[in-house]
């Protein structure tokens, strides 16, 4: 997130980077699945239908960007997405494209985003 003292150009660059992270269909789907639950890499890979190594690369990129977080338990990492800007974008996308994004296999995006 940018600071309150960020210039207009800095804010635009930050938002462009956020949108760029979500512009990839796999990363967007990861954020949709993680928006209302925690998942480990293996179960998330099965649900999304991509290989575990490919998913791990997407998760690493999303984590570096601050879009997702993880918690470790034993030898597993459980990932989640509660980034307020991402949740707001996902909510808007669901409202615009609900037939495409809210199929039975997709989680609900009813979680109310935190205040920005």
N, C-alpha and C. Protein backbone atom coordinates (compact mmCIF):
# COMPACT_ATOMS: atom_id res chain seq x y z
N UNK A 1 0.85 -1.17 0.00
CA UNK A 1 0.00 0.00 0.00
C UNK A 1 0.90 1.23 0.00
N UNK A 2 0.45 2.25 -0.61
CA UNK A 2 1.20 3.50 -0.65
C UNK A 2 0.88 4.34 0.57
N UNK A 3 1.76 5.30 0.87
CA UNK A 3 1.55 6.16 2.03
C UNK A 3 0.59 7.30 1.68
N UNK A 4 0.14 7.99 2.72
CA UNK A 4 -0.75 9.15 2.52
C UNK A 4 -0.05 10.28 1.77
N UNK A 5 1.27 10.25 1.77
CA UNK A 5 2.05 11.31 1.14
C UNK A 5 2.52 10.93 -0.26
N UNK A 6 2.04 9.82 -0.78
CA UNK A 6 2.44 9.38 -2.12
C UNK A 6 1.92 10.35 -3.17
N UNK A 7 2.72 10.53 -4.19
CA UNK A 7 2.29 11.39 -5.28
C UNK A 7 1.25 10.68 -6.13
N UNK A 8 0.60 11.42 -6.97
CA UNK A 8 -0.39 10.84 -7.88
C UNK A 8 0.25 9.75 -8.74
N UNK A 9 1.44 10.02 -9.26
CA UNK A 9 2.13 9.03 -10.09
C UNK A 9 2.47 7.76 -9.30
N UNK A 10 2.87 7.91 -8.04
CA UNK A 10 3.17 6.75 -7.20
C UNK A 10 1.91 5.92 -6.95
N UNK A 11 0.79 6.61 -6.70
CA UNK A 11 -0.48 5.89 -6.48
C UNK A 11 -0.91 5.16 -7.75
N UNK A 12 -0.78 5.82 -8.90
CA UNK A 12 -1.13 5.18 -10.17
C UNK A 12 -0.25 3.96 -10.44
N UNK A 13 1.03 4.09 -10.17
CA UNK A 13 1.96 2.96 -10.37
C UNK A 13 1.59 1.80 -9.46
N UNK A 14 1.21 2.10 -8.20
CA UNK A 14 0.84 1.04 -7.28
C UNK A 14 -0.42 0.31 -7.76
N UNK A 15 -1.41 1.07 -8.19
CA UNK A 15 -2.66 0.46 -8.67
C UNK A 15 -2.43 -0.31 -9.96
N UNK A 16 -1.58 0.19 -10.84
CA UNK A 16 -1.27 -0.53 -12.08
C UNK A 16 -0.58 -1.85 -11.78
N UNK A 17 0.31 -1.86 -10.79
CA UNK A 17 0.97 -3.11 -10.42
C UNK A 17 -0.04 -4.10 -9.85
N UNK A 18 -0.93 -3.63 -9.00
CA UNK A 18 -1.97 -4.50 -8.43
C UNK A 18 -2.81 -5.13 -9.54
N UNK A 19 -3.25 -4.31 -10.47
CA UNK A 19 -4.06 -4.83 -11.59
C UNK A 19 -3.25 -5.78 -12.45
N UNK A 20 -1.96 -5.50 -12.62
CA UNK A 20 -1.10 -6.40 -13.38
C UNK A 20 -0.97 -7.76 -12.73
N UNK A 21 -0.91 -7.79 -11.41
CA UNK A 21 -0.84 -9.08 -10.70
C UNK A 21 -2.10 -9.89 -10.94
N UNK A 22 -3.23 -9.22 -11.00
CA UNK A 22 -4.52 -9.91 -11.17
C UNK A 22 -4.87 -10.15 -12.64
N UNK A 23 -4.07 -9.62 -13.56
CA UNK A 23 -4.36 -9.77 -14.99
C UNK A 23 -4.13 -11.18 -15.49
N UNK A 24 -3.42 -11.99 -14.75
CA UNK A 24 -3.18 -13.37 -15.13
C UNK A 24 -4.35 -14.23 -14.66
N UNK A 25 -4.96 -15.02 -15.55
CA UNK A 25 -6.14 -15.82 -15.15
C UNK A 25 -5.88 -16.75 -13.96
N UNK A 26 -4.72 -17.36 -13.90
CA UNK A 26 -4.44 -18.27 -12.78
C UNK A 26 -4.32 -17.51 -11.47
N UNK A 27 -3.63 -16.37 -11.49
CA UNK A 27 -3.50 -15.59 -10.26
C UNK A 27 -4.85 -15.01 -9.83
N UNK A 28 -5.66 -14.59 -10.79
CA UNK A 28 -7.00 -14.11 -10.46
C UNK A 28 -7.82 -15.22 -9.81
N UNK A 29 -7.75 -16.40 -10.38
CA UNK A 29 -8.50 -17.54 -9.82
C UNK A 29 -7.99 -17.89 -8.42
N UNK A 30 -6.68 -17.82 -8.21
CA UNK A 30 -6.11 -18.06 -6.88
C UNK A 30 -6.72 -17.08 -5.88
N UNK A 31 -6.76 -15.81 -6.24
CA UNK A 31 -7.30 -14.80 -5.32
C UNK A 31 -8.78 -15.03 -5.06
N UNK A 32 -9.52 -15.44 -6.07
CA UNK A 32 -10.94 -15.74 -5.88
C UNK A 32 -11.10 -16.88 -4.88
N UNK A 33 -10.36 -17.95 -5.06
CA UNK A 33 -10.47 -19.09 -4.14
C UNK A 33 -10.03 -18.73 -2.74
N UNK A 34 -8.99 -17.90 -2.62
CA UNK A 34 -8.45 -17.58 -1.30
C UNK A 34 -9.16 -16.42 -0.62
N UNK A 35 -10.16 -15.83 -1.28
CA UNK A 35 -10.82 -14.66 -0.72
C UNK A 35 -11.72 -15.00 0.47
N UNK A 36 -12.12 -16.24 0.61
CA UNK A 36 -12.98 -16.57 1.76
C UNK A 36 -12.57 -17.85 2.47
N UNK A 37 -11.34 -18.31 2.22
CA UNK A 37 -10.86 -19.51 2.91
C UNK A 37 -9.35 -19.60 2.81
N UNK A 38 -8.78 -20.42 3.67
CA UNK A 38 -7.36 -20.76 3.60
C UNK A 38 -7.23 -22.06 2.83
N UNK A 39 -6.16 -22.19 2.10
CA UNK A 39 -5.89 -23.42 1.37
C UNK A 39 -4.39 -23.69 1.38
N UNK A 40 -4.03 -24.98 1.39
CA UNK A 40 -2.64 -25.33 1.19
C UNK A 40 -2.39 -25.51 -0.31
N UNK A 41 -1.13 -25.56 -0.70
CA UNK A 41 -0.77 -25.58 -2.12
C UNK A 41 -1.38 -26.77 -2.84
N UNK A 42 -1.29 -27.95 -2.25
CA UNK A 42 -1.76 -29.15 -2.94
C UNK A 42 -3.27 -29.13 -3.19
N UNK A 43 -4.05 -28.78 -2.19
CA UNK A 43 -5.50 -28.76 -2.40
C UNK A 43 -5.90 -27.64 -3.34
N UNK A 44 -5.23 -26.50 -3.27
CA UNK A 44 -5.53 -25.40 -4.17
C UNK A 44 -5.16 -25.77 -5.61
N UNK A 45 -4.04 -26.45 -5.81
CA UNK A 45 -3.62 -26.87 -7.15
C UNK A 45 -4.66 -27.81 -7.76
N UNK A 46 -5.19 -28.74 -6.95
CA UNK A 46 -6.23 -29.65 -7.46
C UNK A 46 -7.49 -28.90 -7.84
N UNK A 47 -7.90 -27.95 -7.02
CA UNK A 47 -9.14 -27.21 -7.29
C UNK A 47 -9.01 -26.32 -8.52
N UNK A 48 -7.84 -25.72 -8.70
CA UNK A 48 -7.65 -24.82 -9.84
C UNK A 48 -7.28 -25.59 -11.10
N UNK A 49 -6.65 -26.73 -10.93
CA UNK A 49 -6.29 -27.55 -12.08
C UNK A 49 -4.96 -27.18 -12.72
N UNK A 50 -4.02 -26.68 -11.91
CA UNK A 50 -2.67 -26.44 -12.43
C UNK A 50 -1.68 -27.20 -11.57
N UNK A 51 -0.47 -27.35 -12.08
CA UNK A 51 0.54 -28.11 -11.35
C UNK A 51 0.95 -27.37 -10.08
N UNK A 52 1.41 -28.13 -9.11
CA UNK A 52 1.84 -27.54 -7.84
C UNK A 52 3.03 -26.60 -8.05
N UNK A 53 4.04 -26.94 -8.89
CA UNK A 53 5.13 -25.98 -9.10
C UNK A 53 4.67 -24.67 -9.74
N UNK A 54 3.76 -24.75 -10.71
CA UNK A 54 3.25 -23.52 -11.34
C UNK A 54 2.48 -22.69 -10.33
N UNK A 55 1.66 -23.34 -9.52
CA UNK A 55 0.89 -22.63 -8.50
C UNK A 55 1.84 -21.99 -7.49
N UNK A 56 2.88 -22.69 -7.10
CA UNK A 56 3.83 -22.14 -6.14
C UNK A 56 4.46 -20.85 -6.66
N UNK A 57 4.75 -20.81 -7.95
CA UNK A 57 5.31 -19.59 -8.54
C UNK A 57 4.30 -18.44 -8.47
N UNK A 58 3.03 -18.74 -8.77
CA UNK A 58 1.99 -17.70 -8.68
C UNK A 58 1.83 -17.23 -7.23
N UNK A 59 1.81 -18.17 -6.29
CA UNK A 59 1.66 -17.81 -4.88
C UNK A 59 2.82 -16.95 -4.41
N UNK A 60 4.03 -17.29 -4.83
CA UNK A 60 5.21 -16.51 -4.43
C UNK A 60 5.10 -15.07 -4.96
N UNK A 61 4.68 -14.94 -6.18
CA UNK A 61 4.54 -13.61 -6.77
C UNK A 61 3.46 -12.79 -6.05
N UNK A 62 2.31 -13.42 -5.80
CA UNK A 62 1.23 -12.73 -5.09
C UNK A 62 1.64 -12.37 -3.67
N UNK A 63 2.41 -13.23 -3.03
CA UNK A 63 2.87 -12.96 -1.67
C UNK A 63 3.87 -11.81 -1.65
N UNK A 64 4.81 -11.79 -2.59
CA UNK A 64 5.77 -10.69 -2.68
C UNK A 64 5.08 -9.34 -2.89
N UNK A 65 3.96 -9.38 -3.61
CA UNK A 65 3.21 -8.15 -3.87
C UNK A 65 2.32 -7.76 -2.70
N UNK A 66 2.22 -8.60 -1.69
CA UNK A 66 1.39 -8.30 -0.53
C UNK A 66 -0.08 -8.60 -0.74
N UNK A 67 -0.40 -9.31 -1.83
CA UNK A 67 -1.81 -9.59 -2.13
C UNK A 67 -2.32 -10.77 -1.31
N UNK A 68 -1.49 -11.76 -1.10
CA UNK A 68 -1.89 -12.89 -0.27
C UNK A 68 -0.91 -13.03 0.89
N UNK A 69 -1.33 -13.76 1.89
CA UNK A 69 -0.47 -14.04 3.04
C UNK A 69 -0.54 -15.53 3.34
N UNK A 70 0.35 -15.99 4.17
CA UNK A 70 0.30 -17.40 4.56
C UNK A 70 0.62 -17.53 6.03
N UNK A 71 0.18 -18.65 6.57
CA UNK A 71 0.57 -19.04 7.92
C UNK A 71 1.10 -20.46 7.82
N UNK A 72 2.09 -20.75 8.60
CA UNK A 72 2.69 -22.09 8.60
C UNK A 72 2.13 -22.89 9.76
N UNK A 73 1.88 -24.16 9.48
CA UNK A 73 1.45 -25.10 10.50
C UNK A 73 2.08 -26.44 10.15
N UNK A 74 2.93 -26.93 11.05
CA UNK A 74 3.73 -28.12 10.79
C UNK A 74 4.52 -27.90 9.50
N UNK A 75 4.43 -28.81 8.54
CA UNK A 75 5.18 -28.63 7.30
C UNK A 75 4.35 -27.97 6.21
N UNK A 76 3.17 -27.50 6.52
CA UNK A 76 2.28 -26.92 5.52
C UNK A 76 2.20 -25.40 5.66
N UNK A 77 1.95 -24.75 4.54
CA UNK A 77 1.63 -23.33 4.51
C UNK A 77 0.19 -23.21 4.04
N UNK A 78 -0.57 -22.40 4.74
CA UNK A 78 -1.96 -22.15 4.39
C UNK A 78 -2.07 -20.71 3.92
N UNK A 79 -2.53 -20.53 2.69
CA UNK A 79 -2.60 -19.23 2.04
C UNK A 79 -4.00 -18.66 2.14
N UNK A 80 -4.07 -17.33 2.19
CA UNK A 80 -5.36 -16.63 2.20
C UNK A 80 -5.18 -15.26 1.56
N UNK A 81 -6.30 -14.67 1.19
CA UNK A 81 -6.29 -13.34 0.60
C UNK A 81 -7.31 -12.48 1.33
N UNK A 82 -6.82 -11.52 2.08
CA UNK A 82 -7.74 -10.58 2.72
C UNK A 82 -7.33 -9.14 2.44
N UNK A 83 -6.63 -8.94 1.35
CA UNK A 83 -6.18 -7.61 0.93
C UNK A 83 -7.41 -6.78 0.58
N UNK A 84 -7.64 -5.67 1.25
CA UNK A 84 -8.89 -4.93 1.06
C UNK A 84 -9.12 -4.46 -0.38
N UNK A 85 -8.08 -4.01 -1.06
CA UNK A 85 -8.26 -3.57 -2.45
C UNK A 85 -8.61 -4.72 -3.37
N UNK A 86 -7.96 -5.86 -3.16
CA UNK A 86 -8.24 -7.04 -3.99
C UNK A 86 -9.66 -7.53 -3.73
N UNK A 87 -10.06 -7.57 -2.48
CA UNK A 87 -11.43 -8.02 -2.16
C UNK A 87 -12.46 -7.11 -2.80
N UNK A 88 -12.20 -5.82 -2.79
CA UNK A 88 -13.13 -4.88 -3.41
C UNK A 88 -13.17 -5.10 -4.93
N UNK A 89 -12.02 -5.32 -5.56
CA UNK A 89 -11.99 -5.61 -7.00
C UNK A 89 -12.73 -6.90 -7.32
N UNK A 90 -12.52 -7.94 -6.52
CA UNK A 90 -13.20 -9.22 -6.75
C UNK A 90 -14.71 -9.07 -6.59
N UNK A 91 -15.12 -8.30 -5.60
CA UNK A 91 -16.55 -8.06 -5.39
C UNK A 91 -17.15 -7.36 -6.61
N UNK A 92 -16.45 -6.36 -7.12
CA UNK A 92 -16.91 -5.62 -8.30
C UNK A 92 -16.96 -6.54 -9.52
N UNK A 93 -15.93 -7.35 -9.72
CA UNK A 93 -15.92 -8.29 -10.84
C UNK A 93 -17.09 -9.26 -10.75
N UNK A 94 -17.37 -9.73 -9.55
CA UNK A 94 -18.49 -10.66 -9.37
C UNK A 94 -19.82 -9.99 -9.71
N UNK A 95 -19.96 -8.74 -9.31
CA UNK A 95 -21.20 -8.02 -9.62
C UNK A 95 -21.34 -7.81 -11.13
N UNK A 96 -20.24 -7.53 -11.80
CA UNK A 96 -20.27 -7.29 -13.24
C UNK A 96 -20.42 -8.58 -14.05
N UNK A 97 -19.74 -9.62 -13.61
CA UNK A 97 -19.66 -10.86 -14.39
C UNK A 97 -20.12 -12.07 -13.59
N UNK A 98 -21.12 -11.92 -12.75
CA UNK A 98 -21.50 -13.00 -11.84
C UNK A 98 -21.74 -14.33 -12.52
N UNK A 99 -22.31 -14.43 -13.73
CA UNK A 99 -22.47 -15.75 -14.34
C UNK A 99 -21.13 -16.45 -14.56
N UNK A 100 -20.08 -15.69 -14.84
CA UNK A 100 -18.77 -16.29 -15.11
C UNK A 100 -17.98 -16.57 -13.85
N UNK A 101 -18.10 -15.74 -12.83
CA UNK A 101 -17.26 -15.86 -11.66
C UNK A 101 -17.91 -16.57 -10.48
N UNK A 102 -19.21 -16.76 -10.48
CA UNK A 102 -19.83 -17.34 -9.30
C UNK A 102 -20.44 -18.72 -9.60
N UNK A 103 -19.72 -19.53 -10.33
CA UNK A 103 -20.16 -20.89 -10.59
C UNK A 103 -20.02 -21.69 -9.30
N UNK A 104 -20.63 -22.90 -9.28
CA UNK A 104 -20.60 -23.72 -8.08
C UNK A 104 -19.19 -23.98 -7.58
N UNK A 105 -18.23 -24.14 -8.48
CA UNK A 105 -16.87 -24.46 -8.05
C UNK A 105 -16.11 -23.25 -7.53
N UNK A 106 -16.66 -22.05 -7.73
CA UNK A 106 -16.01 -20.85 -7.27
C UNK A 106 -16.60 -20.46 -5.91
N UNK A 107 -15.77 -19.92 -4.99
CA UNK A 107 -16.28 -19.51 -3.68
C UNK A 107 -17.12 -18.24 -3.81
N UNK A 108 -17.94 -18.00 -2.82
CA UNK A 108 -18.70 -16.76 -2.81
C UNK A 108 -17.76 -15.62 -2.46
N UNK A 109 -18.08 -14.46 -2.95
CA UNK A 109 -17.27 -13.29 -2.65
C UNK A 109 -18.05 -12.32 -1.80
N UNK A 110 -18.81 -12.87 -0.86
CA UNK A 110 -19.68 -12.04 -0.03
C UNK A 110 -18.95 -11.38 1.12
N UNK A 111 -17.68 -11.73 1.32
CA UNK A 111 -16.92 -11.13 2.40
C UNK A 111 -16.86 -9.62 2.19
N UNK A 112 -17.19 -8.88 3.21
CA UNK A 112 -17.16 -7.43 3.12
C UNK A 112 -15.73 -6.95 3.28
N UNK A 113 -15.22 -6.18 2.32
CA UNK A 113 -13.85 -5.70 2.43
C UNK A 113 -13.67 -4.78 3.62
N UNK A 114 -12.47 -4.80 4.16
CA UNK A 114 -12.14 -3.89 5.24
C UNK A 114 -12.08 -2.47 4.70
N UNK A 115 -12.23 -1.52 5.58
CA UNK A 115 -12.16 -0.11 5.17
C UNK A 115 -10.79 0.19 4.58
N UNK A 116 -10.78 0.97 3.52
CA UNK A 116 -9.51 1.32 2.86
C UNK A 116 -8.81 2.44 3.56
